[in-house]
Amino acid sequence: MWDRIRKSFARLFSTARADGDDGRDKRTHNLFEAAAVYVSACAEDDQDQIDEAVGWVSPEALSFGVSELACRAVIALARERDESPQTVARALLGLPAA
């Protein structure tokens, strides 16, 4: 998953955004909406949706949103499993218990 994130950010930096009207929705998206769409698209391996979410906010904002989403998800899963957030995070990453 991190490889896909790295590739998406690399593609973002190497590709200039088009300023012309392409007929897409022009409403503003907040960083949390962008992060949610980006992460779910990565999970579903939907490159079109990944590219769209990457264009909604700056790379820094997207990075912050993804980080915040990860924190909230680990906390929610830890509460559900009645385990510590560290235990859950290590398990999700396939790391041995600390």
N, C-alpha and C. Protein backbone atom coordinates (compact mmCIF):
# COMPACT_ATOMS: atom_id res chain seq x y z
N MET A 1 0.82 -1.18 0.00
CA MET A 1 0.00 0.00 0.00
C MET A 1 0.88 1.26 0.00
N TRP A 2 1.95 1.28 0.81
CA TRP A 2 2.81 2.46 0.86
C TRP A 2 3.47 2.70 -0.48
N ASP A 3 3.75 1.62 -1.22
CA ASP A 3 4.34 1.78 -2.54
C ASP A 3 3.38 2.53 -3.46
N ARG A 4 2.09 2.21 -3.38
CA ARG A 4 1.09 2.91 -4.20
C ARG A 4 1.00 4.38 -3.81
N ILE A 5 1.07 4.67 -2.51
CA ILE A 5 1.02 6.05 -2.06
C ILE A 5 2.23 6.81 -2.60
N ARG A 6 3.41 6.20 -2.48
CA ARG A 6 4.63 6.83 -2.96
C ARG A 6 4.54 7.09 -4.47
N LYS A 7 4.04 6.10 -5.22
CA LYS A 7 3.92 6.27 -6.67
C LYS A 7 2.92 7.38 -7.03
N SER A 8 1.82 7.45 -6.28
CA SER A 8 0.83 8.49 -6.55
C SER A 8 1.39 9.87 -6.30
N PHE A 9 2.13 10.03 -5.19
CA PHE A 9 2.74 11.32 -4.91
C PHE A 9 3.80 11.66 -5.94
N ALA A 10 4.57 10.68 -6.38
CA ALA A 10 5.59 10.92 -7.41
C ALA A 10 4.92 11.37 -8.70
N ARG A 11 3.82 10.72 -9.05
CA ARG A 11 3.09 11.09 -10.26
C ARG A 11 2.52 12.50 -10.13
N LEU A 12 2.06 12.83 -8.92
CA LEU A 12 1.52 14.16 -8.68
C LEU A 12 2.58 15.23 -8.90
N PHE A 13 3.77 15.00 -8.37
CA PHE A 13 4.83 15.99 -8.50
C PHE A 13 5.33 16.10 -9.93
N SER A 14 5.27 15.02 -10.69
CA SER A 14 5.81 15.06 -12.04
C SER A 14 4.79 15.52 -13.08
N THR A 15 3.54 15.60 -12.69
CA THR A 15 2.49 16.00 -13.62
C THR A 15 1.90 17.34 -13.21
N ALA A 16 1.89 18.28 -14.11
CA ALA A 16 1.29 19.59 -13.82
C ALA A 16 -0.22 19.47 -13.95
N ARG A 17 -0.93 20.17 -13.08
CA ARG A 17 -2.39 20.15 -13.16
C ARG A 17 -2.86 21.02 -14.33
N ALA A 18 -3.88 20.54 -15.00
CA ALA A 18 -4.45 21.31 -16.10
C ALA A 18 -5.37 22.39 -15.52
N ASP A 19 -5.22 23.62 -15.99
CA ASP A 19 -6.03 24.70 -15.49
C ASP A 19 -7.34 24.87 -16.26
N GLY A 20 -7.47 24.22 -17.39
CA GLY A 20 -8.65 24.37 -18.22
C GLY A 20 -9.86 23.68 -17.64
N ASP A 21 -11.01 24.04 -18.14
CA ASP A 21 -12.27 23.44 -17.69
C ASP A 21 -12.41 22.08 -18.36
N ASP A 22 -12.41 21.04 -17.56
CA ASP A 22 -12.53 19.69 -18.12
C ASP A 22 -13.90 19.08 -17.86
N GLY A 23 -14.82 19.89 -17.36
CA GLY A 23 -16.19 19.41 -17.16
C GLY A 23 -16.39 18.67 -15.85
N ARG A 24 -15.35 18.51 -15.04
CA ARG A 24 -15.51 17.82 -13.77
C ARG A 24 -16.12 18.74 -12.73
N ASP A 25 -16.56 18.13 -11.64
CA ASP A 25 -17.14 18.86 -10.53
C ASP A 25 -16.12 19.87 -9.98
N LYS A 26 -16.47 21.13 -9.90
CA LYS A 26 -15.54 22.17 -9.48
C LYS A 26 -15.70 22.55 -8.01
N ARG A 27 -16.54 21.85 -7.25
CA ARG A 27 -16.68 22.21 -5.84
C ARG A 27 -15.40 21.90 -5.09
N THR A 28 -15.20 22.57 -3.98
CA THR A 28 -13.99 22.36 -3.20
C THR A 28 -14.16 21.14 -2.31
N HIS A 29 -13.09 20.40 -2.18
CA HIS A 29 -13.09 19.22 -1.33
C HIS A 29 -12.16 19.50 -0.15
N ASN A 30 -12.57 19.05 1.04
CA ASN A 30 -11.67 19.26 2.17
C ASN A 30 -10.68 18.12 2.26
N LEU A 31 -9.65 18.30 3.06
CA LEU A 31 -8.57 17.32 3.11
C LEU A 31 -9.02 15.98 3.66
N PHE A 32 -10.01 15.96 4.55
CA PHE A 32 -10.47 14.70 5.09
C PHE A 32 -11.28 13.91 4.07
N GLU A 33 -12.05 14.61 3.26
CA GLU A 33 -12.78 13.96 2.18
C GLU A 33 -11.80 13.38 1.17
N ALA A 34 -10.78 14.15 0.83
CA ALA A 34 -9.76 13.68 -0.10
C ALA A 34 -9.04 12.46 0.45
N ALA A 35 -8.69 12.50 1.73
CA ALA A 35 -8.00 11.36 2.36
C ALA A 35 -8.87 10.12 2.37
N ALA A 36 -10.14 10.26 2.68
CA ALA A 36 -11.04 9.11 2.71
C ALA A 36 -11.18 8.49 1.33
N VAL A 37 -11.34 9.32 0.32
CA VAL A 37 -11.47 8.81 -1.05
C VAL A 37 -10.16 8.17 -1.49
N TYR A 38 -9.05 8.81 -1.17
CA TYR A 38 -7.74 8.30 -1.57
C TYR A 38 -7.45 6.93 -0.95
N VAL A 39 -7.66 6.82 0.36
CA VAL A 39 -7.37 5.56 1.05
C VAL A 39 -8.30 4.45 0.58
N SER A 40 -9.57 4.74 0.44
CA SER A 40 -10.49 3.70 -0.02
C SER A 40 -10.19 3.29 -1.46
N ALA A 41 -9.77 4.25 -2.29
CA ALA A 41 -9.39 3.93 -3.67
C ALA A 41 -8.13 3.06 -3.70
N CYS A 42 -7.18 3.36 -2.81
CA CYS A 42 -5.98 2.52 -2.72
C CYS A 42 -6.35 1.09 -2.32
N ALA A 43 -7.26 0.97 -1.37
CA ALA A 43 -7.69 -0.36 -0.91
C ALA A 43 -8.37 -1.13 -2.03
N GLU A 44 -9.08 -0.41 -2.90
CA GLU A 44 -9.79 -1.06 -4.01
C GLU A 44 -8.97 -1.08 -5.29
N ASP A 45 -7.76 -0.53 -5.26
CA ASP A 45 -6.87 -0.45 -6.41
C ASP A 45 -7.54 0.26 -7.60
N ASP A 46 -8.19 1.39 -7.29
CA ASP A 46 -8.90 2.19 -8.29
C ASP A 46 -8.05 3.41 -8.65
N GLN A 47 -7.20 3.27 -9.65
CA GLN A 47 -6.24 4.32 -10.00
C GLN A 47 -6.93 5.61 -10.43
N ASP A 48 -8.06 5.54 -11.12
CA ASP A 48 -8.76 6.75 -11.54
C ASP A 48 -9.22 7.56 -10.33
N GLN A 49 -9.76 6.88 -9.33
CA GLN A 49 -10.23 7.56 -8.13
C GLN A 49 -9.05 8.11 -7.32
N ILE A 50 -7.94 7.37 -7.30
CA ILE A 50 -6.73 7.84 -6.62
C ILE A 50 -6.27 9.15 -7.26
N ASP A 51 -6.17 9.17 -8.58
CA ASP A 51 -5.73 10.36 -9.30
C ASP A 51 -6.66 11.54 -9.05
N GLU A 52 -7.96 11.27 -8.98
CA GLU A 52 -8.92 12.35 -8.74
C GLU A 52 -8.73 12.93 -7.34
N ALA A 53 -8.62 12.07 -6.33
CA ALA A 53 -8.46 12.54 -4.95
C ALA A 53 -7.15 13.31 -4.78
N VAL A 54 -6.09 12.88 -5.45
CA VAL A 54 -4.79 13.55 -5.36
C VAL A 54 -4.90 14.99 -5.88
N GLY A 55 -5.77 15.23 -6.82
CA GLY A 55 -5.92 16.57 -7.38
C GLY A 55 -6.79 17.50 -6.55
N TRP A 56 -7.45 17.00 -5.52
CA TRP A 56 -8.37 17.83 -4.73
C TRP A 56 -7.67 18.76 -3.75
N VAL A 57 -6.55 18.31 -3.19
CA VAL A 57 -5.86 19.10 -2.17
C VAL A 57 -4.35 19.02 -2.42
N SER A 58 -3.60 19.82 -1.71
CA SER A 58 -2.15 19.78 -1.86
C SER A 58 -1.60 18.45 -1.32
N PRO A 59 -0.43 18.05 -1.78
CA PRO A 59 0.17 16.81 -1.27
C PRO A 59 0.36 16.82 0.24
N GLU A 60 0.72 17.98 0.79
CA GLU A 60 0.90 18.07 2.24
C GLU A 60 -0.42 17.86 2.97
N ALA A 61 -1.48 18.46 2.46
CA ALA A 61 -2.79 18.31 3.09
C ALA A 61 -3.27 16.87 2.98
N LEU A 62 -3.05 16.25 1.84
CA LEU A 62 -3.46 14.85 1.67
C LEU A 62 -2.68 13.96 2.62
N SER A 63 -1.40 14.20 2.75
CA SER A 63 -0.58 13.43 3.67
C SER A 63 -1.08 13.56 5.11
N PHE A 64 -1.41 14.77 5.51
CA PHE A 64 -1.95 14.99 6.85
C PHE A 64 -3.28 14.26 7.01
N GLY A 65 -4.14 14.36 6.02
CA GLY A 65 -5.45 13.70 6.09
C GLY A 65 -5.33 12.20 6.17
N VAL A 66 -4.42 11.61 5.40
CA VAL A 66 -4.21 10.16 5.44
C VAL A 66 -3.67 9.75 6.80
N SER A 67 -2.76 10.54 7.35
CA SER A 67 -2.22 10.26 8.68
C SER A 67 -3.31 10.33 9.75
N GLU A 68 -4.13 11.36 9.68
CA GLU A 68 -5.23 11.50 10.64
C GLU A 68 -6.23 10.35 10.52
N LEU A 69 -6.53 9.95 9.29
CA LEU A 69 -7.43 8.83 9.06
C LEU A 69 -6.85 7.55 9.64
N ALA A 70 -5.54 7.33 9.45
CA ALA A 70 -4.89 6.15 10.00
C ALA A 70 -4.98 6.14 11.52
N CYS A 71 -4.73 7.27 12.15
CA CYS A 71 -4.81 7.36 13.61
C CYS A 71 -6.21 7.04 14.11
N ARG A 72 -7.20 7.65 13.47
CA ARG A 72 -8.59 7.41 13.89
C ARG A 72 -9.01 5.96 13.66
N ALA A 73 -8.55 5.37 12.56
CA ALA A 73 -8.90 3.97 12.27
C ALA A 73 -8.26 3.03 13.28
N VAL A 74 -7.01 3.27 13.62
CA VAL A 74 -6.33 2.41 14.60
C VAL A 74 -7.00 2.54 15.96
N ILE A 75 -7.35 3.75 16.35
CA ILE A 75 -8.03 3.94 17.64
C ILE A 75 -9.38 3.22 17.65
N ALA A 76 -10.15 3.37 16.58
CA ALA A 76 -11.46 2.71 16.52
C ALA A 76 -11.31 1.19 16.55
N LEU A 77 -10.36 0.67 15.81
CA LEU A 77 -10.14 -0.77 15.79
C LEU A 77 -9.64 -1.28 17.14
N ALA A 78 -8.79 -0.50 17.79
CA ALA A 78 -8.28 -0.89 19.11
C ALA A 78 -9.42 -0.96 20.13
N ARG A 79 -10.31 0.01 20.08
CA ARG A 79 -11.46 -0.01 20.99
C ARG A 79 -12.35 -1.21 20.71
N GLU A 80 -12.57 -1.49 19.42
CA GLU A 80 -13.41 -2.62 19.03
C GLU A 80 -12.81 -3.95 19.50
N ARG A 81 -11.48 -4.07 19.40
CA ARG A 81 -10.80 -5.31 19.77
C ARG A 81 -10.41 -5.35 21.25
N ASP A 82 -10.59 -4.23 21.95
CA ASP A 82 -10.17 -4.10 23.34
C ASP A 82 -8.68 -4.38 23.49
N GLU A 83 -7.90 -3.77 22.60
CA GLU A 83 -6.44 -3.88 22.60
C GLU A 83 -5.86 -2.47 22.56
N SER A 84 -4.57 -2.36 22.75
CA SER A 84 -3.92 -1.05 22.68
C SER A 84 -3.75 -0.65 21.21
N PRO A 85 -3.74 0.66 20.94
CA PRO A 85 -3.50 1.12 19.57
C PRO A 85 -2.16 0.61 19.01
N GLN A 86 -1.13 0.53 19.86
CA GLN A 86 0.18 0.04 19.40
C GLN A 86 0.08 -1.42 18.95
N THR A 87 -0.63 -2.24 19.71
CA THR A 87 -0.80 -3.66 19.36
C THR A 87 -1.53 -3.78 18.02
N VAL A 88 -2.58 -3.00 17.85
CA VAL A 88 -3.36 -3.04 16.62
C VAL A 88 -2.53 -2.56 15.43
N ALA A 89 -1.82 -1.45 15.59
CA ALA A 89 -1.02 -0.90 14.50
C ALA A 89 0.07 -1.90 14.07
N ARG A 90 0.73 -2.51 15.03
CA ARG A 90 1.78 -3.48 14.71
C ARG A 90 1.18 -4.70 14.02
N ALA A 91 0.01 -5.14 14.48
CA ALA A 91 -0.65 -6.29 13.85
C ALA A 91 -1.04 -5.98 12.39
N LEU A 92 -1.58 -4.77 12.17
CA LEU A 92 -1.98 -4.39 10.81
C LEU A 92 -0.80 -4.33 9.86
N LEU A 93 0.36 -3.97 10.39
CA LEU A 93 1.57 -3.88 9.56
C LEU A 93 2.35 -5.19 9.51
N GLY A 94 1.84 -6.20 10.21
CA GLY A 94 2.51 -7.50 10.20
C GLY A 94 3.81 -7.53 11.01
N LEU A 95 3.90 -6.64 12.00
CA LEU A 95 5.09 -6.58 12.83
C LEU A 95 4.90 -7.43 14.08
N PRO A 96 5.98 -7.97 14.63
CA PRO A 96 5.85 -8.75 15.86
C PRO A 96 5.44 -7.85 17.03
N ALA A 97 4.83 -8.46 18.02
CA ALA A 97 4.42 -7.72 19.21
C ALA A 97 5.64 -7.10 19.88
N ALA A 98 5.46 -5.90 20.40
CA ALA A 98 6.58 -5.19 21.05
C ALA A 98 6.91 -5.78 22.40
